[in-house]
Amino acid sequence: MGEVVNLRTVKKQAARKAARSVADVNAAKHGRTKAERELEKARAEKAARELDGHRRETE
């Protein structure tokens, strides 16, 4: 005789697997690596510092 299987659990596992594959595709399409995010953040901070350095002081 075969093994007893809980169909609800099998359905949930299949749904998780499908969702995970969709998420992987979206992450590859739209996601950025940690290094890319940090590089963009560093560039933005540098640009802000340079812009602040060019401001005139008014009283």
PDB file of N, CA and C in Angstrom:
ATOM      1  N   MET A   1       0.830  -1.179   0.000  1.00  0.00           N
ATOM      2  CA  MET A   1       0.000   0.000   0.000  1.00  0.00           C
ATOM      3  C   MET A   1       0.879   1.249   0.000  1.00  0.00           C
ATOM      4  N   GLY A   2       0.373   2.328  -0.577  1.00  0.00           N
ATOM      5  CA  GLY A   2       1.141   3.564  -0.663  1.00  0.00           C
ATOM      6  C   GLY A   2       1.102   4.353   0.631  1.00  0.00           C
ATOM      7  N   GLU A   3       1.851   5.409   0.646  1.00  0.00           N
ATOM      8  CA  GLU A   3       1.937   6.266   1.822  1.00  0.00           C
ATOM      9  C   GLU A   3       0.722   7.197   1.865  1.00  0.00           C
ATOM     10  N   VAL A   4       0.227   7.468   3.066  1.00  0.00           N
ATOM     11  CA  VAL A   4      -0.916   8.361   3.241  1.00  0.00           C
ATOM     12  C   VAL A   4      -0.412   9.803   3.059  1.00  0.00           C
ATOM     13  N   VAL A   5      -1.134  10.553   2.212  1.00  0.00           N
ATOM     14  CA  VAL A   5      -0.715  11.917   1.896  1.00  0.00           C
ATOM     15  C   VAL A   5      -1.844  12.872   2.241  1.00  0.00           C
ATOM     16  N   ASN A   6      -1.505  13.949   2.926  1.00  0.00           N
ATOM     17  CA  ASN A   6      -2.478  14.985   3.229  1.00  0.00           C
ATOM     18  C   ASN A   6      -2.545  15.911   2.009  1.00  0.00           C
ATOM     19  N   LEU A   7      -3.663  15.886   1.302  1.00  0.00           N
ATOM     20  CA  LEU A   7      -3.797  16.638   0.058  1.00  0.00           C
ATOM     21  C   LEU A   7      -3.709  18.145   0.276  1.00  0.00           C
ATOM     22  N   ARG A   8      -4.210  18.611   1.408  1.00  0.00           N
ATOM     23  CA  ARG A   8      -4.148  20.044   1.700  1.00  0.00           C
ATOM     24  C   ARG A   8      -2.695  20.494   1.791  1.00  0.00           C
ATOM     25  N   THR A   9      -1.863  19.709   2.458  1.00  0.00           N
ATOM     26  CA  THR A   9      -0.439  20.035   2.593  1.00  0.00           C
ATOM     27  C   THR A   9       0.259  20.012   1.237  1.00  0.00           C
ATOM     28  N   VAL A  10      -0.071  19.049   0.413  1.00  0.00           N
ATOM     29  CA  VAL A  10       0.534  18.954  -0.914  1.00  0.00           C
ATOM     30  C   VAL A  10       0.150  20.159  -1.758  1.00  0.00           C
ATOM     31  N   LYS A  11      -1.112  20.589  -1.666  1.00  0.00           N
ATOM     32  CA  LYS A  11      -1.558  21.768  -2.414  1.00  0.00           C
ATOM     33  C   LYS A  11      -0.811  23.017  -1.957  1.00  0.00           C
ATOM     34  N   LYS A  12      -0.655  23.163  -0.644  1.00  0.00           N
ATOM     35  CA  LYS A  12       0.064  24.323  -0.113  1.00  0.00           C
ATOM     36  C   LYS A  12       1.519  24.326  -0.562  1.00  0.00           C
ATOM     37  N   GLN A  13       2.160  23.174  -0.554  1.00  0.00           N
ATOM     38  CA  GLN A  13       3.543  23.082  -1.001  1.00  0.00           C
ATOM     39  C   GLN A  13       3.670  23.439  -2.477  1.00  0.00           C
ATOM     40  N   ALA A  14       2.722  22.988  -3.283  1.00  0.00           N
ATOM     41  CA  ALA A  14       2.753  23.308  -4.710  1.00  0.00           C
ATOM     42  C   ALA A  14       2.553  24.807  -4.921  1.00  0.00           C
ATOM     43  N   ALA A  15       1.658  25.418  -4.151  1.00  0.00           N
ATOM     44  CA  ALA A  15       1.429  26.853  -4.270  1.00  0.00           C
ATOM     45  C   ALA A  15       2.672  27.637  -3.866  1.00  0.00           C
ATOM     46  N   ARG A  16       3.351  27.198  -2.791  1.00  0.00           N
ATOM     47  CA  ARG A  16       4.581  27.871  -2.361  1.00  0.00           C
ATOM     48  C   ARG A  16       5.662  27.774  -3.428  1.00  0.00           C
ATOM     49  N   LYS A  17       5.772  26.602  -4.024  1.00  0.00           N
ATOM     50  CA  LYS A  17       6.783  26.398  -5.061  1.00  0.00           C
ATOM     51  C   LYS A  17       6.517  27.302  -6.259  1.00  0.00           C
ATOM     52  N   ALA A  18       5.264  27.415  -6.662  1.00  0.00           N
ATOM     53  CA  ALA A  18       4.905  28.275  -7.797  1.00  0.00           C
ATOM     54  C   ALA A  18       5.186  29.735  -7.463  1.00  0.00           C
ATOM     55  N   ALA A  19       4.818  30.166  -6.263  1.00  0.00           N
ATOM     56  CA  ALA A  19       5.045  31.551  -5.858  1.00  0.00           C
ATOM     57  C   ALA A  19       6.539  31.849  -5.792  1.00  0.00           C
ATOM     58  N   ARG A  20       7.321  30.891  -5.310  1.00  0.00           N
ATOM     59  CA  ARG A  20       8.761  31.082  -5.208  1.00  0.00           C
ATOM     60  C   ARG A  20       9.390  31.233  -6.589  1.00  0.00           C
ATOM     61  N   SER A  21       8.908  30.461  -7.563  1.00  0.00           N
ATOM     62  CA  SER A  21       9.474  30.562  -8.907  1.00  0.00           C
ATOM     63  C   SER A  21       9.129  31.909  -9.538  1.00  0.00           C
ATOM     64  N   VAL A  22       7.913  32.401  -9.305  1.00  0.00           N
ATOM     65  CA  VAL A  22       7.531  33.720  -9.814  1.00  0.00           C
ATOM     66  C   VAL A  22       8.384  34.801  -9.145  1.00  0.00           C
ATOM     67  N   ALA A  23       8.599  34.668  -7.852  1.00  0.00           N
ATOM     68  CA  ALA A  23       9.407  35.639  -7.118  1.00  0.00           C
ATOM     69  C   ALA A  23      10.845  35.648  -7.625  1.00  0.00           C
ATOM     70  N   ASP A  24      11.391  34.481  -7.915  1.00  0.00           N
ATOM     71  CA  ASP A  24      12.760  34.408  -8.438  1.00  0.00           C
ATOM     72  C   ASP A  24      12.879  35.106  -9.784  1.00  0.00           C
ATOM     73  N   VAL A  25      11.887  34.917 -10.629  1.00  0.00           N
ATOM     74  CA  VAL A  25      11.896  35.575 -11.948  1.00  0.00           C
ATOM     75  C   VAL A  25      11.833  37.086 -11.777  1.00  0.00           C
ATOM     76  N   ASN A  26      10.946  37.559 -10.895  1.00  0.00           N
ATOM     77  CA  ASN A  26      10.825  39.000 -10.666  1.00  0.00           C
ATOM     78  C   ASN A  26      12.088  39.578 -10.043  1.00  0.00           C
ATOM     79  N   ALA A  27      12.708  38.856  -9.137  1.00  0.00           N
ATOM     80  CA  ALA A  27      13.934  39.343  -8.511  1.00  0.00           C
ATOM     81  C   ALA A  27      15.048  39.458  -9.545  1.00  0.00           C
ATOM     82  N   ALA A  28      15.128  38.509 -10.447  1.00  0.00           N
ATOM     83  CA  ALA A  28      16.155  38.567 -11.486  1.00  0.00           C
ATOM     84  C   ALA A  28      15.881  39.721 -12.447  1.00  0.00           C
ATOM     85  N   LYS A  29      14.608  39.997 -12.676  1.00  0.00           N
ATOM     86  CA  LYS A  29      14.247  41.044 -13.632  1.00  0.00           C
ATOM     87  C   LYS A  29      14.405  42.439 -13.032  1.00  0.00           C
ATOM     88  N   HIS A  30      13.964  42.618 -11.785  1.00  0.00           N
ATOM     89  CA  HIS A  30      13.898  43.953 -11.195  1.00  0.00           C
ATOM     90  C   HIS A  30      14.853  44.174 -10.027  1.00  0.00           C
ATOM     91  N   GLY A  31      15.370  43.136  -9.465  1.00  0.00           N
ATOM     92  CA  GLY A  31      16.156  43.271  -8.252  1.00  0.00           C
ATOM     93  C   GLY A  31      17.556  43.782  -8.502  1.00  0.00           C
ATOM     94  N   ARG A  32      18.158  44.292  -7.444  1.00  0.00           N
ATOM     95  CA  ARG A  32      19.538  44.752  -7.512  1.00  0.00           C
ATOM     96  C   ARG A  32      20.312  44.056  -6.398  1.00  0.00           C
ATOM     97  N   THR A  33      21.575  43.891  -6.621  1.00  0.00           N
ATOM     98  CA  THR A  33      22.395  43.271  -5.599  1.00  0.00           C
ATOM     99  C   THR A  33      22.673  44.281  -4.489  1.00  0.00           C
ATOM    100  N   LYS A  34      23.149  43.788  -3.382  1.00  0.00           N
ATOM    101  CA  LYS A  34      23.463  44.657  -2.260  1.00  0.00           C
ATOM    102  C   LYS A  34      24.553  45.654  -2.650  1.00  0.00           C
ATOM    103  N   ALA A  35      25.526  45.196  -3.408  1.00  0.00           N
ATOM    104  CA  ALA A  35      26.612  46.081  -3.839  1.00  0.00           C
ATOM    105  C   ALA A  35      26.081  47.216  -4.711  1.00  0.00           C
ATOM    106  N   GLU A  36      25.145  46.911  -5.597  1.00  0.00           N
ATOM    107  CA  GLU A  36      24.567  47.952  -6.450  1.00  0.00           C
ATOM    108  C   GLU A  36      23.795  48.979  -5.627  1.00  0.00           C
ATOM    109  N   ARG A  37      23.025  48.511  -4.638  1.00  0.00           N
ATOM    110  CA  ARG A  37      22.279  49.436  -3.780  1.00  0.00           C
ATOM    111  C   ARG A  37      23.222  50.332  -2.993  1.00  0.00           C
ATOM    112  N   GLU A  38      24.297  49.749  -2.439  1.00  0.00           N
ATOM    113  CA  GLU A  38      25.247  50.536  -1.653  1.00  0.00           C
ATOM    114  C   GLU A  38      25.988  51.545  -2.524  1.00  0.00           C
ATOM    115  N   LEU A  39      26.333  51.149  -3.744  1.00  0.00           N
ATOM    116  CA  LEU A  39      27.010  52.071  -4.658  1.00  0.00           C
ATOM    117  C   LEU A  39      26.104  53.251  -4.983  1.00  0.00           C
ATOM    118  N   GLU A  40      24.850  52.992  -5.259  1.00  0.00           N
ATOM    119  CA  GLU A  40      23.914  54.076  -5.564  1.00  0.00           C
ATOM    120  C   GLU A  40      23.737  54.997  -4.360  1.00  0.00           C
ATOM    121  N   LYS A  41      23.668  54.412  -3.171  1.00  0.00           N
ATOM    122  CA  LYS A  41      23.525  55.214  -1.956  1.00  0.00           C
ATOM    123  C   LYS A  41      24.747  56.095  -1.749  1.00  0.00           C
ATOM    124  N   ALA A  42      25.943  55.536  -1.960  1.00  0.00           N
ATOM    125  CA  ALA A  42      27.174  56.303  -1.792  1.00  0.00           C
ATOM    126  C   ALA A  42      27.251  57.442  -2.801  1.00  0.00           C
ATOM    127  N   ARG A  43      26.862  57.184  -4.029  1.00  0.00           N
ATOM    128  CA  ARG A  43      26.873  58.238  -5.048  1.00  0.00           C
ATOM    129  C   ARG A  43      25.895  59.357  -4.692  1.00  0.00           C
ATOM    130  N   ALA A  44      24.715  59.000  -4.208  1.00  0.00           N
ATOM    131  CA  ALA A  44      23.721  60.004  -3.829  1.00  0.00           C
ATOM    132  C   ALA A  44      24.222  60.847  -2.659  1.00  0.00           C
ATOM    133  N   GLU A  45      24.857  60.206  -1.681  1.00  0.00           N
ATOM    134  CA  GLU A  45      25.396  60.949  -0.539  1.00  0.00           C
ATOM    135  C   GLU A  45      26.501  61.898  -0.985  1.00  0.00           C
ATOM    136  N   LYS A  46      27.352  61.452  -1.892  1.00  0.00           N
ATOM    137  CA  LYS A  46      28.442  62.298  -2.391  1.00  0.00           C
ATOM    138  C   LYS A  46      27.878  63.492  -3.146  1.00  0.00           C
ATOM    139  N   ALA A  47      26.865  63.255  -3.973  1.00  0.00           N
ATOM    140  CA  ALA A  47      26.246  64.349  -4.720  1.00  0.00           C
ATOM    141  C   ALA A  47      25.613  65.360  -3.769  1.00  0.00           C
ATOM    142  N   ALA A  48      24.983  64.873  -2.711  1.00  0.00           N
ATOM    143  CA  ALA A  48      24.364  65.775  -1.735  1.00  0.00           C
ATOM    144  C   ALA A  48      25.428  66.591  -1.013  1.00  0.00           C
ATOM    145  N   ARG A  49      26.543  65.966  -0.648  1.00  0.00           N
ATOM    146  CA  ARG A  49      27.624  66.690   0.012  1.00  0.00           C
ATOM    147  C   ARG A  49      28.193  67.767  -0.897  1.00  0.00           C
ATOM    148  N   GLU A  50      28.409  67.441  -2.155  1.00  0.00           N
ATOM    149  CA  GLU A  50      28.966  68.407  -3.097  1.00  0.00           C
ATOM    150  C   GLU A  50      27.998  69.565  -3.316  1.00  0.00           C
ATOM    151  N   LEU A  51      26.709  69.268  -3.391  1.00  0.00           N
ATOM    152  CA  LEU A  51      25.719  70.312  -3.573  1.00  0.00           C
ATOM    153  C   LEU A  51      25.693  71.221  -2.352  1.00  0.00           C
ATOM    154  N   ASP A  52      25.746  70.648  -1.165  1.00  0.00           N
ATOM    155  CA  ASP A  52      25.765  71.457   0.053  1.00  0.00           C
ATOM    156  C   ASP A  52      27.027  72.308   0.124  1.00  0.00           C
ATOM    157  N   GLY A  53      28.120  71.813  -0.408  1.00  0.00           N
ATOM    158  CA  GLY A  53      29.380  72.573  -0.392  1.00  0.00           C
ATOM    159  C   GLY A  53      29.329  73.791  -1.291  1.00  0.00           C
ATOM    160  N   HIS A  54      28.452  73.828  -2.244  1.00  0.00           N
ATOM    161  CA  HIS A  54      28.352  74.945  -3.172  1.00  0.00           C
ATOM    162  C   HIS A  54      27.300  75.973  -2.750  1.00  0.00           C
ATOM    163  N   ARG A  55      26.648  75.742  -1.652  1.00  0.00           N
ATOM    164  CA  ARG A  55      25.610  76.683  -1.210  1.00  0.00           C
ATOM    165  C   ARG A  55      26.227  77.948  -0.654  1.00  0.00           C
ATOM    166  N   ARG A  56      25.519  79.021  -0.875  1.00  0.00           N
ATOM    167  CA  ARG A  56      25.944  80.288  -0.303  1.00  0.00           C
ATOM    168  C   ARG A  56      25.268  80.444   1.040  1.00  0.00           C
ATOM    169  N   GLU A  57      25.964  81.126   1.914  1.00  0.00           N
ATOM    170  CA  GLU A  57      25.386  81.394   3.216  1.00  0.00           C
ATOM    171  C   GLU A  57      24.728  82.764   3.150  1.00  0.00           C
ATOM    172  N   THR A  58      23.474  82.836   3.500  1.00  0.00           N
ATOM    173  CA  THR A  58      22.757  84.106   3.504  1.00  0.00           C
ATOM    174  C   THR A  58      22.275  84.389   4.916  1.00  0.00           C
ATOM    175  N   GLU A  59      22.297  85.651   5.257  1.00  0.00           N
ATOM    176  CA  GLU A  59      21.848  86.008   6.599  1.00  0.00           C
ATOM    177  C   GLU A  59      20.706  86.939   6.567  1.00  0.00           C
TER     178      GLU A  59
END
